[in-house]
């Protein structure tokens, strides 16, 4: 296991530090050994994943792709985008559902952003889904075939160096490298590279090493074998060096066996992550009730609002909310929500609606990649005077930016994990009964 049971603390470096100790490329002998060993291991041990090529033997013994090249490229593209920042086991179900709904690039190009977001809900990093849709529309609109080279693929929205290399090598057998986190870890250990893996110069050198190793006859399989090794054996904390097919070429393992102060996990160096920003959000789940009696079970509707088409969680649906840079008490949070409802939806108790109930449901913390957000949740039940929904038909309100849905329809929507958490809290709260934070029916406050 390469002395992986030692308790030495991982070494940390600041992201801006730059060191470059990649002294040389692989020797010709090591290159051939690594290629042969990895491909042999991959053929025997690769995981059965739905986006990997399925092959069969024809009568004359030749390998024949079961899928057309373009469909294969499309599948690789979808899978690679989904796999960014997401675990493989999570992606499998999403990938299968996606390909069932949009089996080809042409099918996806006809989808709406809302449909794509709903299918993507729960995977996070929603820009990835938007780029998939934009890329599909662009390729189909230009009437061209699916791009097959790295340079052509890089022109598609959202496709970077890694995704371009993966598609080109796996789908089109282009002899080009791929470098992701798994590949960086494997290469850093093979060469015992202690340079900052985030430094631009070091990243370029990793690409050079990966390019040197790519097998010219099976580039796609080799790139997948390198990533598979990092995902299954050469893991960050518990590398299984005894089962590694390239352990004899691994300098990190060699160093750990000759120096007790060195561990395989020392490579690559750990980089201090940027500190997450803290903010706060107050969310109001607004129910429009047909009855003025809070005890009466009515066919109420829940108000959902569409986020702007740019920025964090662009184009996704959520409940009315206000985000703050600093903490605010209950009174201030409600005041801000009231201002939002009055400005955006003309909801202005007691002028045109009554407050049936207003209750603090709870709070929780949701972590984005760079934001740690504390979210306060309330349930606000309103009754529109006259029972009409004409308040939402003002000329200055875009009906495509909001929806009034029943609970069943809300449950079917593709909501983000945070929004779904909010709604689950409200549903459980309603089942468990009122809290001490409810606003008595006799003392209905003004919203502003």
Protein backbone atom coordinates (compact mmCIF):
# COMPACT_ATOMS: atom_id res chain seq x y z
CA UNK A 1 0.00 0.00 0.00
CA UNK A 2 3.03 2.29 -0.16
CA UNK A 3 3.05 3.17 3.57
CA UNK A 4 -0.38 4.70 3.33
CA UNK A 5 -1.09 4.04 7.01
CA UNK A 6 1.21 6.75 8.31
CA UNK A 7 -0.31 9.65 10.21
CA UNK A 8 1.78 12.41 8.73
CA UNK A 9 -0.29 15.51 8.02
CA UNK A 10 -0.62 16.38 4.31
CA UNK A 11 1.55 19.23 3.21
CA UNK A 12 -0.31 22.39 2.22
CA UNK A 13 0.78 25.12 -0.16
CA UNK A 14 -0.82 28.39 -1.05
CA UNK A 15 -2.41 28.49 -4.47
CA UNK A 16 -0.34 31.44 -5.65
CA UNK A 17 3.00 29.73 -4.94
CA UNK A 18 4.70 28.50 -8.07
CA UNK A 19 7.24 25.71 -8.20
CA UNK A 20 8.16 23.56 -11.14
CA UNK A 21 10.07 20.36 -10.57
CA UNK A 22 8.92 18.28 -13.55
CA UNK A 23 12.41 17.47 -14.73
CA UNK A 24 11.75 15.13 -17.61
CA UNK A 25 9.23 13.17 -19.60
CA UNK A 26 8.76 9.43 -19.33
CA UNK A 27 11.45 7.26 -20.86
CA UNK A 28 10.51 5.37 -23.98
CA UNK A 29 10.69 2.11 -22.05
CA UNK A 30 8.42 3.37 -19.25
CA UNK A 31 6.00 4.79 -21.78
CA UNK A 32 5.51 1.43 -23.47
CA UNK A 33 5.26 -0.40 -20.14
CA UNK A 34 2.68 2.02 -18.76
CA UNK A 35 0.57 1.84 -21.92
CA UNK A 36 0.59 -1.96 -22.02
CA UNK A 37 0.02 -2.42 -18.30
CA UNK A 38 -2.79 0.09 -18.02
CA UNK A 39 -4.68 -1.17 -21.07
CA UNK A 40 -4.41 -4.78 -19.94
CA UNK A 41 -5.65 -3.81 -16.47
CA UNK A 42 -8.47 -1.67 -17.91
CA UNK A 43 -9.70 -4.46 -20.19
CA UNK A 44 -10.10 -6.71 -17.15
CA UNK A 45 -11.24 -4.23 -14.51
CA UNK A 46 -13.13 -1.36 -16.13
CA UNK A 47 -16.45 -0.53 -14.52
CA UNK A 48 -19.60 -1.22 -16.48
CA UNK A 49 -20.84 2.31 -17.13
CA UNK A 50 -23.65 3.20 -19.57
CA UNK A 51 -21.64 5.79 -21.50
CA UNK A 52 -18.74 3.49 -22.32
CA UNK A 53 -18.47 1.96 -25.76
CA UNK A 54 -20.07 -1.43 -26.17
CA UNK A 55 -18.35 -3.52 -28.83
CA UNK A 56 -19.00 -6.86 -30.45
CA UNK A 57 -17.18 -9.10 -32.86
CA UNK A 58 -18.36 -9.34 -36.43
CA UNK A 59 -18.11 -12.55 -38.43
CA UNK A 60 -14.64 -11.67 -39.68
CA UNK A 61 -13.42 -10.91 -36.13
CA UNK A 62 -13.22 -7.14 -36.41
CA UNK A 63 -14.45 -4.83 -33.63
CA UNK A 64 -17.57 -2.97 -34.70
CA UNK A 65 -19.05 0.01 -32.87
CA UNK A 66 -22.70 -0.64 -31.97
CA UNK A 67 -23.48 3.06 -32.02
CA UNK A 68 -22.93 5.60 -34.72
CA UNK A 69 -19.96 7.89 -34.19
CA UNK A 70 -22.01 11.02 -33.67
CA UNK A 71 -24.34 9.43 -31.16
CA UNK A 72 -21.31 8.03 -29.35
CA UNK A 73 -19.73 11.49 -29.24
CA UNK A 74 -22.95 12.95 -27.91
CA UNK A 75 -23.11 10.33 -25.16
CA UNK A 76 -19.50 10.94 -24.16
CA UNK A 77 -20.14 14.69 -24.08
CA UNK A 78 -23.19 14.35 -21.83
CA UNK A 79 -21.45 11.94 -19.47
CA UNK A 80 -18.28 13.99 -19.16
CA UNK A 81 -20.20 17.18 -18.40
CA UNK A 82 -22.31 15.37 -15.81
CA UNK A 83 -19.24 13.81 -14.20
CA UNK A 84 -17.66 17.19 -13.49
CA UNK A 85 -17.93 17.77 -9.71
CA UNK A 86 -20.32 14.79 -9.39
CA UNK A 87 -19.83 11.20 -8.22
CA UNK A 88 -20.11 8.41 -10.80
CA UNK A 89 -22.85 6.54 -8.93
CA UNK A 90 -24.96 9.70 -8.83
CA UNK A 91 -24.49 10.36 -12.55
CA UNK A 92 -25.59 6.93 -13.79
CA UNK A 93 -29.32 7.45 -13.18
CA UNK A 94 -29.22 11.02 -14.47
CA UNK A 95 -27.41 9.92 -17.62
CA UNK A 96 -29.88 7.11 -18.33
CA UNK A 97 -32.88 9.41 -17.88
CA UNK A 98 -31.27 12.11 -20.03
CA UNK A 99 -30.48 9.76 -22.92
CA UNK A 100 -33.96 8.26 -22.76
CA UNK A 101 -35.52 11.72 -23.14
CA UNK A 102 -32.96 13.15 -25.60
CA UNK A 103 -31.21 10.19 -27.30
CA UNK A 104 -29.50 12.33 -29.95
CA UNK A 105 -28.04 15.78 -30.38
CA UNK A 106 -31.01 16.73 -32.55
CA UNK A 107 -33.47 15.78 -29.81
CA UNK A 108 -31.60 17.88 -27.24
CA UNK A 109 -31.43 20.89 -29.56
CA UNK A 110 -35.24 21.07 -29.54
CA UNK A 111 -35.50 21.14 -25.74
CA UNK A 112 -36.17 24.24 -23.66
CA UNK A 113 -33.89 25.50 -20.92
CA UNK A 114 -36.61 24.81 -18.38
CA UNK A 115 -36.88 21.17 -19.50
CA UNK A 116 -33.11 20.77 -19.30
CA UNK A 117 -32.94 22.36 -15.86
CA UNK A 118 -35.68 20.07 -14.60
CA UNK A 119 -33.82 17.02 -15.87
CA UNK A 120 -30.59 18.32 -14.33
CA UNK A 121 -32.07 19.23 -10.93
CA UNK A 122 -29.95 17.81 -8.12
CA UNK A 123 -26.68 17.59 -10.06
CA UNK A 124 -25.69 21.15 -9.22
CA UNK A 125 -23.50 23.54 -11.22
CA UNK A 126 -26.43 24.29 -13.53
CA UNK A 127 -24.31 26.24 -16.01
CA UNK A 128 -23.13 22.86 -17.27
CA UNK A 129 -26.67 21.96 -18.34
CA UNK A 130 -27.19 25.32 -20.02
CA UNK A 131 -23.96 24.94 -21.99
CA UNK A 132 -25.01 21.46 -23.14
CA UNK A 133 -28.24 22.90 -24.52
CA UNK A 134 -26.54 25.92 -26.11
CA UNK A 135 -23.87 23.70 -27.66
CA UNK A 136 -26.44 21.31 -29.12
CA UNK A 137 -28.44 24.17 -30.61
CA UNK A 138 -25.30 25.71 -32.11
CA UNK A 139 -24.08 22.49 -33.75
CA UNK A 140 -27.50 21.66 -35.19
CA UNK A 141 -28.15 25.25 -36.34
CA UNK A 142 -24.87 25.27 -38.27
CA UNK A 143 -25.92 22.07 -40.00
CA UNK A 144 -22.51 20.55 -39.42
CA UNK A 145 -21.49 17.13 -38.18
CA UNK A 146 -20.50 16.67 -34.58
CA UNK A 147 -17.03 18.27 -34.16
CA UNK A 148 -14.36 15.57 -34.12
CA UNK A 149 -11.15 17.48 -33.36
CA UNK A 150 -10.06 19.27 -30.21
CA UNK A 151 -9.84 22.63 -31.96
CA UNK A 152 -13.37 22.31 -33.37
CA UNK A 153 -14.81 21.02 -30.10
CA UNK A 154 -13.30 23.95 -28.17
CA UNK A 155 -15.55 26.31 -30.14
CA UNK A 156 -18.66 24.72 -28.63
CA UNK A 157 -20.01 26.56 -25.54
CA UNK A 158 -18.90 24.94 -22.30
CA UNK A 159 -16.39 22.52 -23.85
CA UNK A 160 -12.91 23.03 -22.40
CA UNK A 161 -9.61 21.27 -22.99
CA UNK A 162 -10.49 18.22 -20.91
CA UNK A 163 -13.95 17.59 -22.39
CA UNK A 164 -12.64 18.22 -25.91
CA UNK A 165 -9.86 15.68 -25.37
CA UNK A 166 -12.26 13.12 -23.94
CA UNK A 167 -14.73 13.37 -26.83
CA UNK A 168 -12.04 13.45 -29.52
CA UNK A 169 -10.14 10.44 -28.16
CA UNK A 170 -13.02 8.25 -26.97
CA UNK A 171 -15.52 8.87 -29.77
CA UNK A 172 -13.26 9.70 -32.73
CA UNK A 173 -10.00 7.88 -31.80
CA UNK A 174 -7.99 11.08 -32.00
CA UNK A 175 -4.57 10.62 -30.37
CA UNK A 176 -4.96 13.44 -27.84
CA UNK A 177 -4.59 13.52 -24.04
CA UNK A 178 -7.03 14.28 -21.23
CA UNK A 179 -6.13 15.76 -17.87
CA UNK A 180 -8.59 15.85 -14.98
CA UNK A 181 -8.12 15.52 -11.22
CA UNK A 182 -7.69 11.76 -11.40
CA UNK A 183 -5.09 12.02 -14.15
CA UNK A 184 -3.16 14.73 -12.29
CA UNK A 185 -3.01 12.52 -9.19
CA UNK A 186 -1.77 9.48 -11.14
CA UNK A 187 0.85 11.45 -13.06
CA UNK A 188 2.01 13.32 -9.96
CA UNK A 189 2.64 10.01 -8.21
CA UNK A 190 4.19 8.27 -11.21
CA UNK A 191 6.72 11.11 -11.52
CA UNK A 192 6.77 12.16 -7.82
CA UNK A 193 5.86 15.71 -8.82
CA UNK A 194 5.75 18.02 -5.82
CA UNK A 195 4.96 21.21 -7.75
CA UNK A 196 1.72 23.07 -7.15
CA UNK A 197 -0.83 21.17 -9.30
CA UNK A 198 -2.85 24.38 -9.76
CA UNK A 199 0.05 26.42 -11.13
CA UNK A 200 -0.35 27.16 -14.85
CA UNK A 201 3.14 25.96 -15.75
CA UNK A 202 2.65 22.73 -13.83
CA UNK A 203 -0.72 22.14 -15.50
CA UNK A 204 0.90 22.54 -18.92
CA UNK A 205 3.53 19.99 -17.95
CA UNK A 206 0.86 17.51 -16.87
CA UNK A 207 -0.68 17.86 -20.31
CA UNK A 208 2.72 17.18 -21.89
CA UNK A 209 3.15 14.02 -19.81
CA UNK A 210 -0.36 12.84 -20.62
CA UNK A 211 0.20 13.51 -24.33
CA UNK A 212 3.37 11.44 -24.27
CA UNK A 213 1.60 8.46 -22.72
CA UNK A 214 -1.49 8.31 -24.99
CA UNK A 215 -1.57 5.00 -26.80
CA UNK A 216 -1.70 5.70 -30.57
CA UNK A 217 -3.83 2.66 -31.37
CA UNK A 218 -6.31 2.92 -28.47
CA UNK A 219 -6.27 6.57 -27.35
CA UNK A 220 -9.79 6.60 -25.94
CA UNK A 221 -9.37 3.41 -23.95
CA UNK A 222 -6.00 4.54 -22.64
CA UNK A 223 -7.33 7.90 -21.47
CA UNK A 224 -10.19 6.12 -19.74
CA UNK A 225 -7.78 3.66 -18.13
CA UNK A 226 -5.74 6.53 -16.69
CA UNK A 227 -8.88 8.15 -15.26
CA UNK A 228 -10.19 4.78 -14.05
CA UNK A 229 -6.96 4.10 -12.19
CA UNK A 230 -7.22 7.40 -10.36
CA UNK A 231 -10.89 6.83 -9.54
CA UNK A 232 -10.58 3.27 -8.24
CA UNK A 233 -7.03 2.47 -7.09
CA UNK A 234 -4.88 5.60 -7.01
CA UNK A 235 -7.31 7.45 -4.76
CA UNK A 236 -6.49 10.60 -2.74
CA UNK A 237 -6.34 9.06 0.75
CA UNK A 238 -6.14 5.27 0.43
CA UNK A 239 -4.20 4.28 -2.70
CA UNK A 240 -4.19 0.53 -3.31
CA UNK A 241 -0.60 0.32 -4.46
CA UNK A 242 -0.41 -3.48 -4.19
CA UNK A 243 -3.05 -3.83 -6.92
CA UNK A 244 -1.79 -1.01 -9.14
CA UNK A 245 -0.73 -2.15 -12.63
CA UNK A 246 1.95 0.56 -12.89
CA UNK A 247 3.38 0.43 -9.37
CA UNK A 248 6.79 -0.59 -10.71
CA UNK A 249 6.96 2.72 -12.61
CA UNK A 250 5.72 4.82 -9.65
CA UNK A 251 8.36 7.13 -8.19
CA UNK A 252 6.15 8.15 -5.28
CA UNK A 253 5.85 4.52 -4.17
CA UNK A 254 9.59 4.05 -4.65
CA UNK A 255 10.33 7.14 -2.55
CA UNK A 256 7.98 6.04 0.23
CA UNK A 257 9.71 2.68 0.48
CA UNK A 258 13.10 4.32 0.80
CA UNK A 259 12.21 7.23 3.08
CA UNK A 260 9.94 6.84 6.10
CA UNK A 261 9.06 10.54 6.01
CA UNK A 262 7.53 10.23 2.53
CA UNK A 263 4.05 8.91 1.74
CA UNK A 264 2.38 8.21 -1.58
CA UNK A 265 -0.44 10.55 -0.51
CA UNK A 266 2.04 13.44 -0.38
CA UNK A 267 1.60 13.61 -4.15
CA UNK A 268 0.13 15.75 -5.50
CA UNK A 269 0.55 18.53 -2.95
CA UNK A 270 -2.60 19.72 -1.25
CA UNK A 271 -3.58 23.24 -2.22
CA UNK A 272 -5.31 25.51 0.27
CA UNK A 273 -8.83 26.07 -1.00
CA UNK A 274 -10.23 29.55 -1.26
CA UNK A 275 -12.31 30.42 1.79
CA UNK A 276 -16.05 30.16 1.25
CA UNK A 277 -18.06 33.35 1.45
CA UNK A 278 -20.86 33.40 4.03
CA UNK A 279 -24.23 34.93 3.25
CA UNK A 280 -27.84 34.67 4.39
CA UNK A 281 -31.14 34.16 2.66
CA UNK A 282 -34.74 34.49 3.80
CA UNK A 283 -37.23 32.38 1.84
CA UNK A 284 -40.99 32.74 1.95
CA UNK A 285 -43.13 29.88 0.68
CA UNK A 286 -46.22 31.88 -0.32
CA UNK A 287 -49.50 29.99 -0.57
CA UNK A 288 -52.49 31.67 -2.18
CA UNK A 289 -55.53 30.20 -0.44
CA UNK A 290 -59.09 30.24 -1.74
CA UNK A 291 -60.41 30.34 1.80
CA UNK A 292 -59.94 32.91 4.56
CA UNK A 293 -60.12 30.20 7.22
CA UNK A 294 -56.72 28.73 7.99
CA UNK A 295 -58.36 25.55 9.28
CA UNK A 296 -60.14 24.92 5.99
CA UNK A 297 -58.44 22.58 3.55
CA UNK A 298 -58.51 24.53 0.31
CA UNK A 299 -56.99 24.11 -3.09
CA UNK A 300 -54.19 26.55 -2.41
CA UNK A 301 -51.47 27.38 -4.93
CA UNK A 302 -47.79 27.98 -4.24
CA UNK A 303 -45.93 30.90 -5.80
CA UNK A 304 -42.71 30.03 -7.65
CA UNK A 305 -40.38 32.62 -9.17
CA UNK A 306 -37.88 32.17 -11.99
CA UNK A 307 -34.35 33.38 -11.38
CA UNK A 308 -32.61 35.69 -13.88
CA UNK A 309 -31.08 34.06 -16.95
CA UNK A 310 -27.59 35.10 -15.85
CA UNK A 311 -25.66 34.50 -12.65
CA UNK A 312 -25.90 31.85 -9.94
CA UNK A 313 -28.58 29.19 -10.64
CA UNK A 314 -29.63 31.07 -13.78
CA UNK A 315 -33.11 30.36 -15.10
CA UNK A 316 -34.09 28.04 -12.25
CA UNK A 317 -37.26 28.14 -10.17
CA UNK A 318 -37.40 29.01 -6.49
CA UNK A 319 -39.67 30.49 -3.84
CA UNK A 320 -39.61 34.27 -3.23
CA UNK A 321 -36.40 35.06 -1.39
CA UNK A 322 -34.01 37.83 -0.46
CA UNK A 323 -30.27 37.26 -0.04
CA UNK A 324 -28.19 39.31 2.39
CA UNK A 325 -24.50 39.71 3.11
CA UNK A 326 -25.10 39.83 6.87
CA UNK A 327 -27.42 38.39 9.48
CA UNK A 328 -30.90 39.95 9.96
CA UNK A 329 -33.51 39.38 12.66
CA UNK A 330 -37.00 38.01 12.01
CA UNK A 331 -38.60 41.46 11.79
CA UNK A 332 -36.12 42.67 9.18
CA UNK A 333 -36.35 39.45 7.17
CA UNK A 334 -40.13 39.73 6.97
CA UNK A 335 -39.94 43.37 6.05
CA UNK A 336 -37.63 42.54 3.13
CA UNK A 337 -39.93 39.74 1.92
CA UNK A 338 -42.92 42.08 2.16
CA UNK A 339 -41.14 44.67 0.04
CA UNK A 340 -40.34 42.02 -2.57
CA UNK A 341 -43.93 40.73 -2.73
CA UNK A 342 -45.35 44.23 -2.99
CA UNK A 343 -42.92 45.36 -5.68
CA UNK A 344 -42.95 42.22 -7.82
CA UNK A 345 -46.50 40.92 -7.37
CA UNK A 346 -48.55 43.83 -5.99
CA UNK A 347 -49.32 41.73 -2.91
CA UNK A 348 -50.10 44.38 -0.32
CA UNK A 349 -52.09 43.33 2.78
CA UNK A 350 -54.60 44.44 3.85
CA UNK A 351 -55.26 46.46 0.70
CA UNK A 352 -55.75 43.60 -1.73
CA UNK A 353 -55.15 40.45 0.35
CA UNK A 354 -55.37 39.13 3.88
CA UNK A 355 -52.69 37.28 5.85
CA UNK A 356 -54.23 33.96 6.91
CA UNK A 357 -51.08 32.82 8.71
CA UNK A 358 -47.38 33.54 8.79
CA UNK A 359 -45.08 31.07 10.47
CA UNK A 360 -41.36 30.60 10.87
CA UNK A 361 -40.63 27.07 9.69
CA UNK A 362 -36.91 26.76 10.44
CA UNK A 363 -33.44 27.25 9.05
CA UNK A 364 -30.61 25.27 7.49
CA UNK A 365 -27.21 25.76 5.87
CA UNK A 366 -26.65 25.04 2.19
CA UNK A 367 -23.13 24.95 0.74
CA UNK A 368 -22.43 25.96 -2.84
CA UNK A 369 -18.93 25.60 -4.31
CA UNK A 370 -17.88 29.04 -3.08
CA UNK A 371 -20.75 30.13 -0.80
CA UNK A 372 -21.93 28.93 2.58
CA UNK A 373 -25.52 30.15 2.83
CA UNK A 374 -27.73 30.15 5.91
CA UNK A 375 -31.34 29.95 4.80
CA UNK A 376 -34.34 30.97 6.89
CA UNK A 377 -37.70 29.53 5.84
CA UNK A 378 -41.20 30.84 6.50
CA UNK A 379 -44.69 29.84 5.37
CA UNK A 380 -46.94 32.74 4.39
CA UNK A 381 -50.58 31.96 3.56
CA UNK A 382 -52.52 34.72 1.80
CA UNK A 383 -56.11 35.11 0.66
CA UNK A 384 -56.69 37.44 -2.26
CA UNK A 385 -59.68 39.70 -1.79
CA UNK A 386 -62.35 38.67 -4.25
CA UNK A 387 -60.55 35.35 -4.76
CA UNK A 388 -59.14 36.53 -8.05
CA UNK A 389 -55.64 36.19 -9.45
CA UNK A 390 -55.77 39.41 -11.44
CA UNK A 391 -53.02 40.79 -9.21
CA UNK A 392 -50.60 38.71 -11.27
CA UNK A 393 -51.77 40.12 -14.58
CA UNK A 394 -50.32 43.59 -14.28
CA UNK A 395 -48.68 44.92 -17.42
CA UNK A 396 -45.28 45.22 -15.75
CA UNK A 397 -45.20 41.60 -14.59
CA UNK A 398 -43.89 38.95 -16.96
CA UNK A 399 -46.05 35.87 -16.47
CA UNK A 400 -43.20 33.63 -17.68
CA UNK A 401 -41.21 34.62 -14.58
CA UNK A 402 -43.65 33.13 -12.06
CA UNK A 403 -46.00 30.20 -11.57
CA UNK A 404 -48.87 29.33 -9.24
CA UNK A 405 -48.86 25.56 -8.74
CA UNK A 406 -50.53 23.04 -6.48
CA UNK A 407 -48.38 20.88 -4.22
CA UNK A 408 -48.43 17.91 -6.59
CA UNK A 409 -47.13 20.02 -9.47
CA UNK A 410 -44.42 21.52 -7.26
CA UNK A 411 -43.29 18.03 -6.27
CA UNK A 412 -42.93 17.07 -9.94
CA UNK A 413 -40.78 20.07 -10.81
CA UNK A 414 -37.06 19.82 -11.23
CA UNK A 415 -36.03 21.96 -8.29
CA UNK A 416 -32.54 22.48 -6.94
CA UNK A 417 -31.62 20.57 -3.80
CA UNK A 418 -31.84 23.72 -1.67
CA UNK A 419 -35.30 24.67 -2.98
CA UNK A 420 -36.52 21.12 -2.54
CA UNK A 421 -35.18 21.16 1.01
CA UNK A 422 -37.18 24.33 1.69
CA UNK A 423 -40.39 22.76 0.39
CA UNK A 424 -39.82 19.52 2.29
CA UNK A 425 -39.39 21.52 5.50
CA UNK A 426 -42.66 23.35 4.86
CA UNK A 427 -44.55 20.15 4.06
CA UNK A 428 -43.29 18.47 7.22
CA UNK A 429 -44.09 21.59 9.24
CA UNK A 430 -47.67 21.59 7.97
CA UNK A 431 -48.06 17.93 8.84
CA UNK A 432 -46.63 18.39 12.34
CA UNK A 433 -48.83 21.42 13.08
CA UNK A 434 -48.33 25.07 13.90
CA UNK A 435 -45.41 26.50 15.80
CA UNK A 436 -45.16 29.23 18.40
CA UNK A 437 -44.04 31.59 15.64
CA UNK A 438 -47.41 31.76 13.91
CA UNK A 439 -49.15 35.07 13.51
CA UNK A 440 -52.56 34.91 15.26
CA UNK A 441 -55.49 35.32 12.92
CA UNK A 442 -56.84 38.21 15.01
CA UNK A 443 -53.70 40.28 14.58
CA UNK A 444 -52.96 40.23 10.91
CA UNK A 445 -50.02 42.53 10.34
CA UNK A 446 -49.41 44.68 7.36
CA UNK A 447 -46.76 43.43 4.97
CA UNK A 448 -45.19 46.83 4.70
